[in-house]
Amino acid sequence: MRAALVLTTVGSESEAERIARTLVEAGLVACAQIAPVRSLYRWKGKVEDAREFRIDMKLRADDYAALEKALLDLHPYETPEILRIDIADGYKPYLDWLAGAGG
């Protein structure tokens, strides 16, 4: 089983919780962690400085396409950050749990 980590950010903790809970309950991700972050970025020609909440989601890599579709449906941003990082290796018991925790 190949595993992946997907990152996204949203503007409020309640939005992050709504998205994370929906994805975990749907079995698209095994685990989602929410953390506050400060983001500095350029958007439409202007530098923005925003408090956001990052959602780190662990999943089976084969479930990425379904997760991306669901995130696009759930996400409030016009152009959301959706980044997939493939996991090369990790603690086998944790990866075994992750493999069985989705769908």
PDB file of N, CA and C in Angstrom:
ATOM      1  N   MET A   1       0.849  -1.178   0.000  1.00  0.00           N
ATOM      2  CA  MET A   1       0.000   0.000   0.000  1.00  0.00           C
ATOM      3  C   MET A   1       0.889   1.234   0.000  1.00  0.00           C
ATOM      4  N   ARG A   2       0.593   2.141  -0.894  1.00  0.00           N
ATOM      5  CA  ARG A   2       1.285   3.428  -0.922  1.00  0.00           C
ATOM      6  C   ARG A   2       0.446   4.419  -0.125  1.00  0.00           C
ATOM      7  N   ALA A   3       1.125   5.249   0.658  1.00  0.00           N
ATOM      8  CA  ALA A   3       0.444   6.241   1.488  1.00  0.00           C
ATOM      9  C   ALA A   3       0.829   7.636   1.018  1.00  0.00           C
ATOM     10  N   ALA A   4      -0.011   8.611   1.369  1.00  0.00           N
ATOM     11  CA  ALA A   4       0.249  10.004   0.996  1.00  0.00           C
ATOM     12  C   ALA A   4      -0.223  10.926   2.111  1.00  0.00           C
ATOM     13  N   LEU A   5       0.335  12.109   2.084  1.00  0.00           N
ATOM     14  CA  LEU A   5      -0.063  13.204   2.967  1.00  0.00           C
ATOM     15  C   LEU A   5      -0.575  14.308   2.053  1.00  0.00           C
ATOM     16  N   VAL A   6      -1.768  14.813   2.316  1.00  0.00           N
ATOM     17  CA  VAL A   6      -2.329  15.912   1.527  1.00  0.00           C
ATOM     18  C   VAL A   6      -2.530  17.090   2.455  1.00  0.00           C
ATOM     19  N   LEU A   7      -2.110  18.264   1.992  1.00  0.00           N
ATOM     20  CA  LEU A   7      -2.215  19.499   2.767  1.00  0.00           C
ATOM     21  C   LEU A   7      -3.186  20.455   2.100  1.00  0.00           C
ATOM     22  N   THR A   8      -3.944  21.159   2.922  1.00  0.00           N
ATOM     23  CA  THR A   8      -4.768  22.260   2.444  1.00  0.00           C
ATOM     24  C   THR A   8      -4.895  23.266   3.581  1.00  0.00           C
ATOM     25  N   THR A   9      -5.313  24.474   3.260  1.00  0.00           N
ATOM     26  CA  THR A   9      -5.566  25.491   4.276  1.00  0.00           C
ATOM     27  C   THR A   9      -6.931  26.116   4.039  1.00  0.00           C
ATOM     28  N   VAL A  10      -7.543  26.560   5.143  1.00  0.00           N
ATOM     29  CA  VAL A  10      -8.820  27.277   5.088  1.00  0.00           C
ATOM     30  C   VAL A  10      -8.752  28.442   6.070  1.00  0.00           C
ATOM     31  N   GLY A  11      -9.728  29.325   5.994  1.00  0.00           N
ATOM     32  CA  GLY A  11      -9.695  30.558   6.756  1.00  0.00           C
ATOM     33  C   GLY A  11     -10.203  30.508   8.181  1.00  0.00           C
ATOM     34  N   SER A  12     -10.826  29.406   8.579  1.00  0.00           N
ATOM     35  CA  SER A  12     -11.333  29.350   9.958  1.00  0.00           C
ATOM     36  C   SER A  12     -11.224  27.935  10.507  1.00  0.00           C
ATOM     37  N   GLU A  13     -11.157  27.854  11.830  1.00  0.00           N
ATOM     38  CA  GLU A  13     -11.075  26.552  12.473  1.00  0.00           C
ATOM     39  C   GLU A  13     -12.353  25.746  12.243  1.00  0.00           C
ATOM     40  N   SER A  14     -13.504  26.423  12.229  1.00  0.00           N
ATOM     41  CA  SER A  14     -14.758  25.700  12.004  1.00  0.00           C
ATOM     42  C   SER A  14     -14.817  25.112  10.589  1.00  0.00           C
ATOM     43  N   GLU A  15     -14.302  25.839   9.596  1.00  0.00           N
ATOM     44  CA  GLU A  15     -14.239  25.305   8.223  1.00  0.00           C
ATOM     45  C   GLU A  15     -13.309  24.100   8.179  1.00  0.00           C
ATOM     46  N   ALA A  16     -12.156  24.210   8.845  1.00  0.00           N
ATOM     47  CA  ALA A  16     -11.198  23.103   8.866  1.00  0.00           C
ATOM     48  C   ALA A  16     -11.829  21.871   9.512  1.00  0.00           C
ATOM     49  N   GLU A  17     -12.520  22.059  10.619  1.00  0.00           N
ATOM     50  CA  GLU A  17     -13.148  20.934  11.298  1.00  0.00           C
ATOM     51  C   GLU A  17     -14.246  20.312  10.440  1.00  0.00           C
ATOM     52  N   ARG A  18     -15.040  21.139   9.782  1.00  0.00           N
ATOM     53  CA  ARG A  18     -16.120  20.632   8.918  1.00  0.00           C
ATOM     54  C   ARG A  18     -15.542  19.776   7.789  1.00  0.00           C
ATOM     55  N   ILE A  19     -14.510  20.268   7.139  1.00  0.00           N
ATOM     56  CA  ILE A  19     -13.898  19.536   6.028  1.00  0.00           C
ATOM     57  C   ILE A  19     -13.239  18.258   6.527  1.00  0.00           C
ATOM     58  N   ALA A  20     -12.433  18.369   7.592  1.00  0.00           N
ATOM     59  CA  ALA A  20     -11.722  17.197   8.116  1.00  0.00           C
ATOM     60  C   ALA A  20     -12.697  16.108   8.554  1.00  0.00           C
ATOM     61  N   ARG A  21     -13.719  16.494   9.305  1.00  0.00           N
ATOM     62  CA  ARG A  21     -14.691  15.516   9.801  1.00  0.00           C
ATOM     63  C   ARG A  21     -15.427  14.839   8.634  1.00  0.00           C
ATOM     64  N   THR A  22     -15.817  15.606   7.643  1.00  0.00           N
ATOM     65  CA  THR A  22     -16.514  15.049   6.481  1.00  0.00           C
ATOM     66  C   THR A  22     -15.650  14.014   5.771  1.00  0.00           C
ATOM     67  N   LEU A  23     -14.367  14.323   5.592  1.00  0.00           N
ATOM     68  CA  LEU A  23     -13.475  13.426   4.868  1.00  0.00           C
ATOM     69  C   LEU A  23     -13.150  12.163   5.663  1.00  0.00           C
ATOM     70  N   VAL A  24     -12.968  12.304   6.972  1.00  0.00           N
ATOM     71  CA  VAL A  24     -12.718  11.124   7.814  1.00  0.00           C
ATOM     72  C   VAL A  24     -13.966  10.252   7.853  1.00  0.00           C
ATOM     73  N   GLU A  25     -15.130  10.848   8.062  1.00  0.00           N
ATOM     74  CA  GLU A  25     -16.375  10.071   8.125  1.00  0.00           C
ATOM     75  C   GLU A  25     -16.668   9.366   6.807  1.00  0.00           C
ATOM     76  N   ALA A  26     -16.280   9.991   5.681  1.00  0.00           N
ATOM     77  CA  ALA A  26     -16.504   9.381   4.368  1.00  0.00           C
ATOM     78  C   ALA A  26     -15.482   8.290   4.054  1.00  0.00           C
ATOM     79  N   GLY A  27     -14.460   8.145   4.894  1.00  0.00           N
ATOM     80  CA  GLY A  27     -13.431   7.138   4.664  1.00  0.00           C
ATOM     81  C   GLY A  27     -12.417   7.528   3.611  1.00  0.00           C
ATOM     82  N   LEU A  28     -12.397   8.795   3.211  1.00  0.00           N
ATOM     83  CA  LEU A  28     -11.429   9.242   2.209  1.00  0.00           C
ATOM     84  C   LEU A  28     -10.048   9.485   2.803  1.00  0.00           C
ATOM     85  N   VAL A  29      -9.992   9.768   4.094  1.00  0.00           N
ATOM     86  CA  VAL A  29      -8.713   9.917   4.785  1.00  0.00           C
ATOM     87  C   VAL A  29      -8.785   9.128   6.086  1.00  0.00           C
ATOM     88  N   ALA A  30      -7.632   8.618   6.520  1.00  0.00           N
ATOM     89  CA  ALA A  30      -7.581   7.866   7.767  1.00  0.00           C
ATOM     90  C   ALA A  30      -7.501   8.803   8.958  1.00  0.00           C
ATOM     91  N   CYS A  31      -6.872   9.952   8.749  1.00  0.00           N
ATOM     92  CA  CYS A  31      -6.608  10.880   9.843  1.00  0.00           C
ATOM     93  C   CYS A  31      -6.476  12.284   9.267  1.00  0.00           C
ATOM     94  N   ALA A  32      -6.947  13.261  10.006  1.00  0.00           N
ATOM     95  CA  ALA A  32      -6.778  14.659   9.614  1.00  0.00           C
ATOM     96  C   ALA A  32      -6.384  15.447  10.855  1.00  0.00           C
ATOM     97  N   GLN A  33      -5.339  16.243  10.730  1.00  0.00           N
ATOM     98  CA  GLN A  33      -4.887  17.086  11.829  1.00  0.00           C
ATOM     99  C   GLN A  33      -5.066  18.542  11.430  1.00  0.00           C
ATOM    100  N   ILE A  34      -5.492  19.355  12.383  1.00  0.00           N
ATOM    101  CA  ILE A  34      -5.765  20.775  12.139  1.00  0.00           C
ATOM    102  C   ILE A  34      -4.812  21.599  12.991  1.00  0.00           C
ATOM    103  N   ALA A  35      -4.161  22.572  12.352  1.00  0.00           N
ATOM    104  CA  ALA A  35      -3.220  23.430  13.083  1.00  0.00           C
ATOM    105  C   ALA A  35      -3.312  24.856  12.563  1.00  0.00           C
ATOM    106  N   PRO A  36      -3.226  25.842  13.466  1.00  0.00           N
ATOM    107  CA  PRO A  36      -3.218  27.239  13.011  1.00  0.00           C
ATOM    108  C   PRO A  36      -1.880  27.572  12.350  1.00  0.00           C
ATOM    109  N   VAL A  37      -1.939  28.362  11.298  1.00  0.00           N
ATOM    110  CA  VAL A  37      -0.737  28.825  10.598  1.00  0.00           C
ATOM    111  C   VAL A  37      -0.925  30.281  10.191  1.00  0.00           C
ATOM    112  N   ARG A  38       0.171  30.949   9.950  1.00  0.00           N
ATOM    113  CA  ARG A  38       0.131  32.294   9.386  1.00  0.00           C
ATOM    114  C   ARG A  38       0.662  32.191   7.970  1.00  0.00           C
ATOM    115  N   SER A  39      -0.097  32.659   7.009  1.00  0.00           N
ATOM    116  CA  SER A  39       0.266  32.550   5.598  1.00  0.00           C
ATOM    117  C   SER A  39       0.531  33.921   5.004  1.00  0.00           C
ATOM    118  N   LEU A  40       1.656  34.044   4.352  1.00  0.00           N
ATOM    119  CA  LEU A  40       1.985  35.227   3.564  1.00  0.00           C
ATOM    120  C   LEU A  40       2.041  34.762   2.114  1.00  0.00           C
ATOM    121  N   TYR A  41       1.264  35.400   1.246  1.00  0.00           N
ATOM    122  CA  TYR A  41       1.192  34.938  -0.135  1.00  0.00           C
ATOM    123  C   TYR A  41       0.754  36.083  -1.044  1.00  0.00           C
ATOM    124  N   ARG A  42       1.027  35.916  -2.327  1.00  0.00           N
ATOM    125  CA  ARG A  42       0.600  36.894  -3.322  1.00  0.00           C
ATOM    126  C   ARG A  42      -0.693  36.379  -3.953  1.00  0.00           C
ATOM    127  N   TRP A  43      -1.714  37.228  -3.964  1.00  0.00           N
ATOM    128  CA  TRP A  43      -3.004  36.865  -4.554  1.00  0.00           C
ATOM    129  C   TRP A  43      -3.541  38.058  -5.325  1.00  0.00           C
ATOM    130  N   LYS A  44      -3.750  37.846  -6.629  1.00  0.00           N
ATOM    131  CA  LYS A  44      -4.277  38.884  -7.517  1.00  0.00           C
ATOM    132  C   LYS A  44      -3.473  40.177  -7.409  1.00  0.00           C
ATOM    133  N   GLY A  45      -2.142  40.021  -7.446  1.00  0.00           N
ATOM    134  CA  GLY A  45      -1.247  41.161  -7.485  1.00  0.00           C
ATOM    135  C   GLY A  45      -0.966  41.829  -6.154  1.00  0.00           C
ATOM    136  N   LYS A  46      -1.501  41.294  -5.065  1.00  0.00           N
ATOM    137  CA  LYS A  46      -1.350  41.910  -3.754  1.00  0.00           C
ATOM    138  C   LYS A  46      -0.786  40.896  -2.767  1.00  0.00           C
ATOM    139  N   VAL A  47       0.085  41.350  -1.878  1.00  0.00           N
ATOM    140  CA  VAL A  47       0.613  40.464  -0.847  1.00  0.00           C
ATOM    141  C   VAL A  47      -0.382  40.409   0.309  1.00  0.00           C
ATOM    142  N   GLU A  48      -0.761  39.201   0.657  1.00  0.00           N
ATOM    143  CA  GLU A  48      -1.723  38.967   1.732  1.00  0.00           C
ATOM    144  C   GLU A  48      -1.007  38.388   2.951  1.00  0.00           C
ATOM    145  N   ASP A  49      -1.541  38.664   4.114  1.00  0.00           N
ATOM    146  CA  ASP A  49      -1.034  38.135   5.382  1.00  0.00           C
ATOM    147  C   ASP A  49      -2.265  37.656   6.138  1.00  0.00           C
ATOM    148  N   ALA A  50      -2.400  36.343   6.269  1.00  0.00           N
ATOM    149  CA  ALA A  50      -3.647  35.805   6.821  1.00  0.00           C
ATOM    150  C   ALA A  50      -3.391  34.717   7.847  1.00  0.00           C
ATOM    151  N   ARG A  51      -4.253  34.655   8.823  1.00  0.00           N
ATOM    152  CA  ARG A  51      -4.281  33.529   9.759  1.00  0.00           C
ATOM    153  C   ARG A  51      -5.182  32.482   9.111  1.00  0.00           C
ATOM    154  N   GLU A  52      -4.641  31.283   8.965  1.00  0.00           N
ATOM    155  CA  GLU A  52      -5.391  30.195   8.359  1.00  0.00           C
ATOM    156  C   GLU A  52      -5.259  28.958   9.240  1.00  0.00           C
ATOM    157  N   PHE A  53      -5.945  27.904   8.845  1.00  0.00           N
ATOM    158  CA  PHE A  53      -5.850  26.620   9.525  1.00  0.00           C
ATOM    159  C   PHE A  53      -5.482  25.581   8.484  1.00  0.00           C
ATOM    160  N   ARG A  54      -4.359  24.892   8.737  1.00  0.00           N
ATOM    161  CA  ARG A  54      -3.883  23.867   7.815  1.00  0.00           C
ATOM    162  C   ARG A  54      -4.471  22.520   8.237  1.00  0.00           C
ATOM    163  N   ILE A  55      -4.900  21.773   7.247  1.00  0.00           N
ATOM    164  CA  ILE A  55      -5.379  20.412   7.477  1.00  0.00           C
ATOM    165  C   ILE A  55      -4.366  19.472   6.828  1.00  0.00           C
ATOM    166  N   ASP A  56      -3.755  18.614   7.646  1.00  0.00           N
ATOM    167  CA  ASP A  56      -2.852  17.571   7.164  1.00  0.00           C
ATOM    168  C   ASP A  56      -3.649  16.274   7.153  1.00  0.00           C
ATOM    169  N   MET A  57      -3.759  15.652   5.986  1.00  0.00           N
ATOM    170  CA  MET A  57      -4.583  14.453   5.837  1.00  0.00           C
ATOM    171  C   MET A  57      -3.728  13.276   5.388  1.00  0.00           C
ATOM    172  N   LYS A  58      -3.852  12.157   6.093  1.00  0.00           N
ATOM    173  CA  LYS A  58      -3.137  10.949   5.725  1.00  0.00           C
ATOM    174  C   LYS A  58      -4.110   9.983   5.062  1.00  0.00           C
ATOM    175  N   LEU A  59      -3.660   9.387   3.962  1.00  0.00           N
ATOM    176  CA  LEU A  59      -4.556   8.542   3.186  1.00  0.00           C
ATOM    177  C   LEU A  59      -3.787   7.535   2.361  1.00  0.00           C
ATOM    178  N   ARG A  60      -4.513   6.583   1.816  1.00  0.00           N
ATOM    179  CA  ARG A  60      -3.944   5.675   0.819  1.00  0.00           C
ATOM    180  C   ARG A  60      -3.782   6.486  -0.458  1.00  0.00           C
ATOM    181  N   ALA A  61      -2.614   6.380  -1.086  1.00  0.00           N
ATOM    182  CA  ALA A  61      -2.348   7.169  -2.292  1.00  0.00           C
ATOM    183  C   ALA A  61      -3.383   6.891  -3.381  1.00  0.00           C
ATOM    184  N   ASP A  62      -3.882   5.678  -3.444  1.00  0.00           N
ATOM    185  CA  ASP A  62      -4.883   5.326  -4.462  1.00  0.00           C
ATOM    186  C   ASP A  62      -6.193   6.094  -4.285  1.00  0.00           C
ATOM    187  N   ASP A  63      -6.423   6.664  -3.111  1.00  0.00           N
ATOM    188  CA  ASP A  63      -7.649   7.417  -2.852  1.00  0.00           C
ATOM    189  C   ASP A  63      -7.514   8.911  -3.169  1.00  0.00           C
ATOM    190  N   TYR A  64      -6.348   9.315  -3.703  1.00  0.00           N
ATOM    191  CA  TYR A  64      -6.109  10.745  -3.905  1.00  0.00           C
ATOM    192  C   TYR A  64      -7.135  11.394  -4.850  1.00  0.00           C
ATOM    193  N   ALA A  65      -7.427  10.779  -5.979  1.00  0.00           N
ATOM    194  CA  ALA A  65      -8.347  11.408  -6.945  1.00  0.00           C
ATOM    195  C   ALA A  65      -9.714  11.680  -6.319  1.00  0.00           C
ATOM    196  N   ALA A  66     -10.226  10.715  -5.552  1.00  0.00           N
ATOM    197  CA  ALA A  66     -11.522  10.908  -4.891  1.00  0.00           C
ATOM    198  C   ALA A  66     -11.431  11.995  -3.828  1.00  0.00           C
ATOM    199  N   LEU A  67     -10.299  12.031  -3.105  1.00  0.00           N
ATOM    200  CA  LEU A  67     -10.115  13.074  -2.095  1.00  0.00           C
ATOM    201  C   LEU A  67     -10.064  14.452  -2.742  1.00  0.00           C
ATOM    202  N   GLU A  68      -9.313  14.593  -3.823  1.00  0.00           N
ATOM    203  CA  GLU A  68      -9.224  15.893  -4.494  1.00  0.00           C
ATOM    204  C   GLU A  68     -10.603  16.378  -4.936  1.00  0.00           C
ATOM    205  N   LYS A  69     -11.391  15.492  -5.525  1.00  0.00           N
ATOM    206  CA  LYS A  69     -12.744  15.865  -5.967  1.00  0.00           C
ATOM    207  C   LYS A  69     -13.581  16.328  -4.775  1.00  0.00           C
ATOM    208  N   ALA A  70     -13.543  15.567  -3.687  1.00  0.00           N
ATOM    209  CA  ALA A  70     -14.313  15.934  -2.497  1.00  0.00           C
ATOM    210  C   ALA A  70     -13.835  17.268  -1.920  1.00  0.00           C
ATOM    211  N   LEU A  71     -12.526  17.469  -1.873  1.00  0.00           N
ATOM    212  CA  LEU A  71     -11.993  18.733  -1.350  1.00  0.00           C
ATOM    213  C   LEU A  71     -12.453  19.917  -2.197  1.00  0.00           C
ATOM    214  N   LEU A  72     -12.433  19.761  -3.504  1.00  0.00           N
ATOM    215  CA  LEU A  72     -12.890  20.850  -4.372  1.00  0.00           C
ATOM    216  C   LEU A  72     -14.363  21.167  -4.148  1.00  0.00           C
ATOM    217  N   ASP A  73     -15.158  20.155  -3.844  1.00  0.00           N
ATOM    218  CA  ASP A  73     -16.583  20.371  -3.551  1.00  0.00           C
ATOM    219  C   ASP A  73     -16.791  21.051  -2.198  1.00  0.00           C
ATOM    220  N   LEU A  74     -15.937  20.723  -1.224  1.00  0.00           N
ATOM    221  CA  LEU A  74     -16.098  21.222   0.148  1.00  0.00           C
ATOM    222  C   LEU A  74     -15.396  22.556   0.413  1.00  0.00           C
ATOM    223  N   HIS A  75     -14.362  22.841  -0.345  1.00  0.00           N
ATOM    224  CA  HIS A  75     -13.459  23.950  -0.023  1.00  0.00           C
ATOM    225  C   HIS A  75     -14.069  25.307  -0.372  1.00  0.00           C
ATOM    226  N   PRO A  76     -13.918  26.304   0.523  1.00  0.00           N
ATOM    227  CA  PRO A  76     -14.482  27.627   0.251  1.00  0.00           C
ATOM    228  C   PRO A  76     -13.617  28.513  -0.653  1.00  0.00           C
ATOM    229  N   TYR A  77     -12.350  28.170  -0.859  1.00  0.00           N
ATOM    230  CA  TYR A  77     -11.455  29.040  -1.628  1.00  0.00           C
ATOM    231  C   TYR A  77     -11.646  28.874  -3.134  1.00  0.00           C
ATOM    232  N   GLU A  78     -11.412  29.954  -3.859  1.00  0.00           N
ATOM    233  CA  GLU A  78     -11.479  29.945  -5.321  1.00  0.00           C
ATOM    234  C   GLU A  78     -10.403  29.023  -5.907  1.00  0.00           C
ATOM    235  N   THR A  79      -9.204  29.107  -5.384  1.00  0.00           N
ATOM    236  CA  THR A  79      -8.082  28.268  -5.820  1.00  0.00           C
ATOM    237  C   THR A  79      -7.421  27.673  -4.574  1.00  0.00           C
ATOM    238  N   PRO A  80      -7.951  26.567  -4.085  1.00  0.00           N
ATOM    239  CA  PRO A  80      -7.416  26.019  -2.832  1.00  0.00           C
ATOM    240  C   PRO A  80      -6.049  25.369  -3.014  1.00  0.00           C
ATOM    241  N   GLU A  81      -5.261  25.455  -1.955  1.00  0.00           N
ATOM    242  CA  GLU A  81      -4.025  24.677  -1.885  1.00  0.00           C
ATOM    243  C   GLU A  81      -4.430  23.225  -1.662  1.00  0.00           C
ATOM    244  N   ILE A  82      -4.034  22.373  -2.580  1.00  0.00           N
ATOM    245  CA  ILE A  82      -4.209  20.929  -2.411  1.00  0.00           C
ATOM    246  C   ILE A  82      -2.896  20.313  -2.877  1.00  0.00           C
ATOM    247  N   LEU A  83      -2.069  19.909  -1.923  1.00  0.00           N
ATOM    248  CA  LEU A  83      -0.757  19.367  -2.230  1.00  0.00           C
ATOM    249  C   LEU A  83      -0.660  17.933  -1.738  1.00  0.00           C
ATOM    250  N   ARG A  84      -0.231  17.055  -2.619  1.00  0.00           N
ATOM    251  CA  ARG A  84      -0.033  15.641  -2.261  1.00  0.00           C
ATOM    252  C   ARG A  84       1.458  15.386  -2.116  1.00  0.00           C
ATOM    253  N   ILE A  85       1.820  14.787  -0.984  1.00  0.00           N
ATOM    254  CA  ILE A  85       3.196  14.383  -0.732  1.00  0.00           C
ATOM    255  C   ILE A  85       3.173  12.874  -0.521  1.00  0.00           C
ATOM    256  N   ASP A  86       3.823  12.143  -1.407  1.00  0.00           N
ATOM    257  CA  ASP A  86       3.851  10.695  -1.260  1.00  0.00           C
ATOM    258  C   ASP A  86       4.794  10.315  -0.123  1.00  0.00           C
ATOM    259  N   ILE A  87       4.383   9.342   0.666  1.00  0.00           N
ATOM    260  CA  ILE A  87       5.163   8.872   1.807  1.00  0.00           C
ATOM    261  C   ILE A  87       6.021   7.705   1.336  1.00  0.00           C
ATOM    262  N   ALA A  88       7.345   7.882   1.381  1.00  0.00           N
ATOM    263  CA  ALA A  88       8.268   6.853   0.910  1.00  0.00           C
ATOM    264  C   ALA A  88       8.363   5.692   1.889  1.00  0.00           C
ATOM    265  N   ASP A  89       8.280   5.992   3.173  1.00  0.00           N
ATOM    266  CA  ASP A  89       8.430   4.955   4.176  1.00  0.00           C
ATOM    267  C   ASP A  89       7.904   5.488   5.498  1.00  0.00           C
ATOM    268  N   GLY A  90       7.725   4.612   6.454  1.00  0.00           N
ATOM    269  CA  GLY A  90       7.247   5.011   7.768  1.00  0.00           C
ATOM    270  C   GLY A  90       7.143   3.807   8.675  1.00  0.00           C
ATOM    271  N   TYR A  91       6.699   4.054   9.871  1.00  0.00           N
ATOM    272  CA  TYR A  91       6.536   2.999  10.866  1.00  0.00           C
ATOM    273  C   TYR A  91       5.457   2.028  10.380  1.00  0.00           C
ATOM    274  N   LYS A  92       5.845   0.766  10.163  1.00  0.00           N
ATOM    275  CA  LYS A  92       4.955  -0.204   9.530  1.00  0.00           C
ATOM    276  C   LYS A  92       3.617  -0.373  10.246  1.00  0.00           C
ATOM    277  N   PRO A  93       3.583  -0.508  11.584  1.00  0.00           N
ATOM    278  CA  PRO A  93       2.266  -0.634  12.233  1.00  0.00           C
ATOM    279  C   PRO A  93       1.355   0.571  11.960  1.00  0.00           C
ATOM    280  N   TYR A  94       1.923   1.780  11.906  1.00  0.00           N
ATOM    281  CA  TYR A  94       1.100   2.955  11.599  1.00  0.00           C
ATOM    282  C   TYR A  94       0.603   2.886  10.163  1.00  0.00           C
ATOM    283  N   LEU A  95       1.479   2.549   9.209  1.00  0.00           N
ATOM    284  CA  LEU A  95       1.065   2.449   7.806  1.00  0.00           C
ATOM    285  C   LEU A  95       0.036   1.350   7.612  1.00  0.00           C
ATOM    286  N   ASP A  96       0.168   0.251   8.357  1.00  0.00           N
ATOM    287  CA  ASP A  96      -0.842  -0.816   8.295  1.00  0.00           C
ATOM    288  C   ASP A  96      -2.193  -0.315   8.790  1.00  0.00           C
ATOM    289  N   TRP A  97      -2.166   0.460   9.895  1.00  0.00           N
ATOM    290  CA  TRP A  97      -3.412   1.052  10.403  1.00  0.00           C
ATOM    291  C   TRP A  97      -4.014   1.975   9.347  1.00  0.00           C
ATOM    292  N   LEU A  98      -3.171   2.823   8.757  1.00  0.00           N
ATOM    293  CA  LEU A  98      -3.653   3.772   7.744  1.00  0.00           C
ATOM    294  C   LEU A  98      -4.298   3.013   6.577  1.00  0.00           C
ATOM    295  N   ALA A  99      -3.686   1.931   6.161  1.00  0.00           N
ATOM    296  CA  ALA A  99      -4.212   1.140   5.041  1.00  0.00           C
ATOM    297  C   ALA A  99      -5.611   0.612   5.339  1.00  0.00           C
ATOM    298  N   GLY A 100      -5.888   0.278   6.592  1.00  0.00           N
ATOM    299  CA  GLY A 100      -7.188  -0.279   6.948  1.00  0.00           C
ATOM    300  C   GLY A 100      -8.201   0.732   7.440  1.00  0.00           C
ATOM    301  N   ALA A 101      -7.776   1.974   7.674  1.00  0.00           N
ATOM    302  CA  ALA A 101      -8.666   2.966   8.276  1.00  0.00           C
ATOM    303  C   ALA A 101      -9.557   3.675   7.284  1.00  0.00           C
ATOM    304  N   GLY A 102      -9.201   3.725   6.016  1.00  0.00           N
ATOM    305  CA  GLY A 102     -10.033   4.408   5.029  1.00  0.00           C
ATOM    306  C   GLY A 102     -11.188   3.526   4.595  1.00  0.00           C
ATOM    307  N   GLY A 103     -12.053   4.119   3.763  1.00  0.00           N
ATOM    308  CA  GLY A 103     -13.191   3.472   3.135  1.00  0.00           C
ATOM    309  C   GLY A 103     -13.541   2.204   3.684  1.00  0.00           C
TER     310      GLY A 103
END
